Protein backbone atom coordinates (compact mmCIF):
# COMPACT_ATOMS: atom_id res chain seq x y z
CA MET A 1 -20.33 97.35 23.03
CA TRP A 2 -17.87 97.25 20.13
CA ASP A 3 -17.18 100.99 20.47
CA GLU A 4 -16.48 100.66 24.18
CA TYR A 5 -14.64 97.31 24.45
CA GLN A 6 -13.48 96.44 20.91
CA VAL A 7 -14.75 92.90 21.50
CA ILE A 8 -17.70 90.95 20.19
CA ARG A 9 -18.69 87.66 21.75
CA ALA A 10 -20.54 85.26 19.48
CA ALA A 11 -22.21 82.99 22.01
CA LYS A 12 -22.85 79.50 20.69
CA SER A 13 -21.87 80.26 17.12
CA ASP A 14 -22.16 76.56 16.25
CA SER A 15 -19.75 76.86 13.36
CA ARG A 16 -19.69 73.12 12.61
CA LEU A 17 -21.03 72.44 9.15
CA ALA A 18 -23.52 69.76 10.21
CA ASN A 19 -25.55 71.89 12.64
CA ASN A 20 -29.02 73.36 12.51
CA ASN A 21 -30.19 71.71 9.28
CA LEU A 22 -29.15 74.72 7.22
CA PRO A 23 -28.14 74.25 3.58
CA PRO A 24 -24.44 73.41 3.16
CA ASP A 25 -23.68 76.69 1.35
CA VAL A 26 -25.11 78.67 4.29
CA GLN A 27 -23.15 76.52 6.77
CA LYS A 28 -19.95 77.11 4.80
CA LEU A 29 -20.59 80.85 4.73
CA ARG A 30 -21.18 80.91 8.49
CA CYS A 31 -18.02 78.91 9.13
CA ARG A 32 -15.96 81.20 6.88
CA ALA A 33 -17.40 84.35 8.50
CA CYS A 34 -16.59 83.09 11.99
CA TYR A 35 -13.07 82.14 10.91
CA GLN A 36 -12.42 85.48 9.20
CA ALA A 37 -13.74 87.32 12.27
CA LEU A 38 -11.18 85.75 14.61
CA ARG A 39 -8.45 88.25 15.40
CA PHE A 40 -6.06 88.52 18.31
CA ALA A 41 -5.51 91.82 20.03
CA PRO A 42 -2.23 93.38 18.78
CA PRO A 43 -0.29 92.67 22.02
CA VAL A 44 -1.36 89.00 21.92
CA GLU A 45 -0.45 88.71 18.24
CA ALA A 46 2.95 90.33 18.91
CA MET A 47 3.64 87.92 21.77
CA GLY A 48 2.66 84.94 19.58
CA LYS A 49 5.01 86.10 16.81
CA LEU A 50 7.84 86.54 19.32
CA LEU A 51 7.31 83.03 20.69
CA ALA A 52 7.11 81.47 17.21
CA ASP A 53 10.27 83.30 16.13
CA ARG A 54 12.10 82.04 19.22
CA MET A 55 10.96 78.47 18.59
CA ARG A 56 12.04 78.66 14.94
CA SER A 57 15.46 79.97 15.95
CA TYR A 58 16.25 76.55 17.44
CA GLY A 59 15.36 74.73 14.22
CA PRO A 60 12.45 72.46 13.29
CA TYR A 61 9.85 71.87 15.97
CA THR A 62 6.27 70.84 16.42
CA ALA A 63 3.60 72.39 18.62
CA LEU A 64 0.79 70.25 19.98
CA HIS A 65 -2.41 70.77 21.85
CA LEU A 66 -3.02 67.32 23.27
CA ARG A 67 -6.49 68.07 24.67
CA TYR A 68 -5.52 65.84 27.59
CA GLU A 69 -6.32 68.28 30.35
CA LYS A 70 -8.44 67.72 33.44
CA ASP A 71 -11.34 69.94 32.36
CA MET A 72 -11.52 68.50 28.84
CA LEU A 73 -11.50 64.92 30.08
CA THR A 74 -14.00 65.72 32.83
CA PHE A 75 -16.67 67.11 30.53
CA THR A 76 -16.41 64.95 27.42
CA ALA A 77 -19.26 62.63 28.42
CA CYS A 78 -20.03 60.11 31.09
CA LEU A 79 -21.23 56.58 31.54
CA ASP A 80 -24.16 55.16 33.46
CA GLY A 81 -21.81 54.76 36.41
CA GLY A 82 -20.88 58.42 36.27
CA LEU A 83 -17.32 58.01 35.03
CA PRO A 84 -16.06 60.18 32.19
CA ALA A 85 -15.99 58.36 28.86
CA CYS A 86 -12.46 59.40 27.92
CA THR A 87 -10.50 57.72 30.69
CA HIS A 88 -8.30 55.42 28.61
CA GLY A 89 -4.86 55.32 30.19
CA LEU A 90 -5.98 56.93 33.46
CA SER A 91 -5.94 55.20 36.81
CA ARG A 92 -9.22 54.40 38.59
CA GLU A 93 -8.39 57.17 41.11
CA GLU A 94 -7.93 59.72 38.31
CA ALA A 95 -11.22 58.69 36.70
CA GLU A 96 -12.95 59.02 40.08
CA GLU A 97 -11.46 62.49 40.55
CA LEU A 98 -12.92 63.57 37.21
CA ARG A 99 -16.32 62.13 38.19
CA ALA A 100 -16.29 64.06 41.47
CA ILE A 101 -15.44 67.31 39.69
CA ARG A 102 -18.25 66.80 37.18
CA GLU A 103 -20.81 65.95 39.84
CA GLY A 104 -19.98 69.24 41.56
CA ILE A 105 -21.25 71.15 38.50
CA LEU A 106 -25.02 71.57 38.73
CA TRP A 107 -25.60 72.10 35.00
CA TRP A 108 -23.84 68.90 33.95
CA LYS A 109 -26.18 66.24 32.60
CA VAL A 110 -25.29 62.56 32.88
CA LYS A 111 -25.14 60.92 29.48
CA ASN A 112 -25.28 57.25 28.62
CA ILE A 113 -22.28 56.81 26.31
CA ASP A 114 -20.23 53.71 25.60
CA PRO A 115 -16.58 54.74 26.19
CA VAL A 116 -15.13 51.96 24.04
CA HIS A 117 -17.35 53.00 21.10
CA LYS A 118 -16.62 56.70 21.70
CA ARG A 119 -12.88 56.09 21.67
CA ALA A 120 -13.03 53.75 18.65
CA LYS A 121 -14.81 56.51 16.69
CA GLY A 122 -12.01 58.96 17.53
CA TYR A 123 -14.05 61.15 19.87
CA CYS A 124 -11.54 60.94 22.73
CA PRO A 125 -8.12 62.55 22.61
CA LEU A 126 -5.10 60.33 22.18
CA THR A 127 -3.13 59.73 25.35
CA PRO A 128 0.30 61.39 25.53
CA SER A 129 1.92 57.97 24.95
CA GLU A 130 -0.21 57.41 21.84
CA VAL A 131 0.73 60.86 20.52
CA ALA A 132 4.41 59.97 21.00
CA LEU A 133 3.93 56.77 18.98
CA PHE A 134 2.04 58.68 16.29
CA LEU A 135 4.79 61.33 16.01
CA SER A 136 7.43 58.61 15.82
CA ALA A 137 5.49 56.89 13.02
CA LEU A 138 5.42 60.22 11.16
CA GLY A 139 9.21 60.38 11.33
CA PHE A 140 9.73 62.79 14.21
CA THR A 141 12.90 61.90 16.09
CA SER A 142 13.26 61.82 19.87
CA ASN A 143 15.27 65.05 19.79
CA THR A 144 12.57 67.08 17.99
CA PRO A 145 11.53 70.00 20.20
CA ILE A 146 7.86 69.70 21.11
CA TYR A 147 5.99 72.69 22.48
CA ILE A 148 2.86 71.77 24.40
CA ALA A 149 0.22 74.38 23.59
CA ALA A 150 -2.07 73.55 26.48
CA GLY A 151 -2.38 73.45 30.21
CA GLU A 152 -1.07 70.75 32.49
CA ILE A 153 -1.37 67.26 30.97
CA TYR A 154 -3.67 65.23 33.20
CA GLY A 155 -2.14 62.19 34.87
CA GLY A 156 1.42 63.50 34.57
């Protein structure tokens, strides 16, 4: 397949270091190999360089991937009642919309997860408002250009 498509797909590479009960040195090697293997196709890399150069031409900036998109929030986990666990800051209607999307996916398995505990442990993404507070605390000013490296932010 490599000869024909110049692509290799590593399904379920599980690169996290705590997986599969392998010795830490083997986990580290696997993680490093997966990282070193990641390469963009030349046209994608060229486009990324062009975009980064354009952003730099305007001065200092930050780029964020908020992870606050509909699909990410929908499939993080769910409660006994079927609502996604990461709904902090969303309206009841938005949380219900995510539940309906998830229930339409046959392979999704309902999980019993405490959303307050999940969020307290840092397993849910920060809301856009929380990210703004965090950036402000780090010294970013309100005129710092911010490039959102993601899809549409859920909830507006």
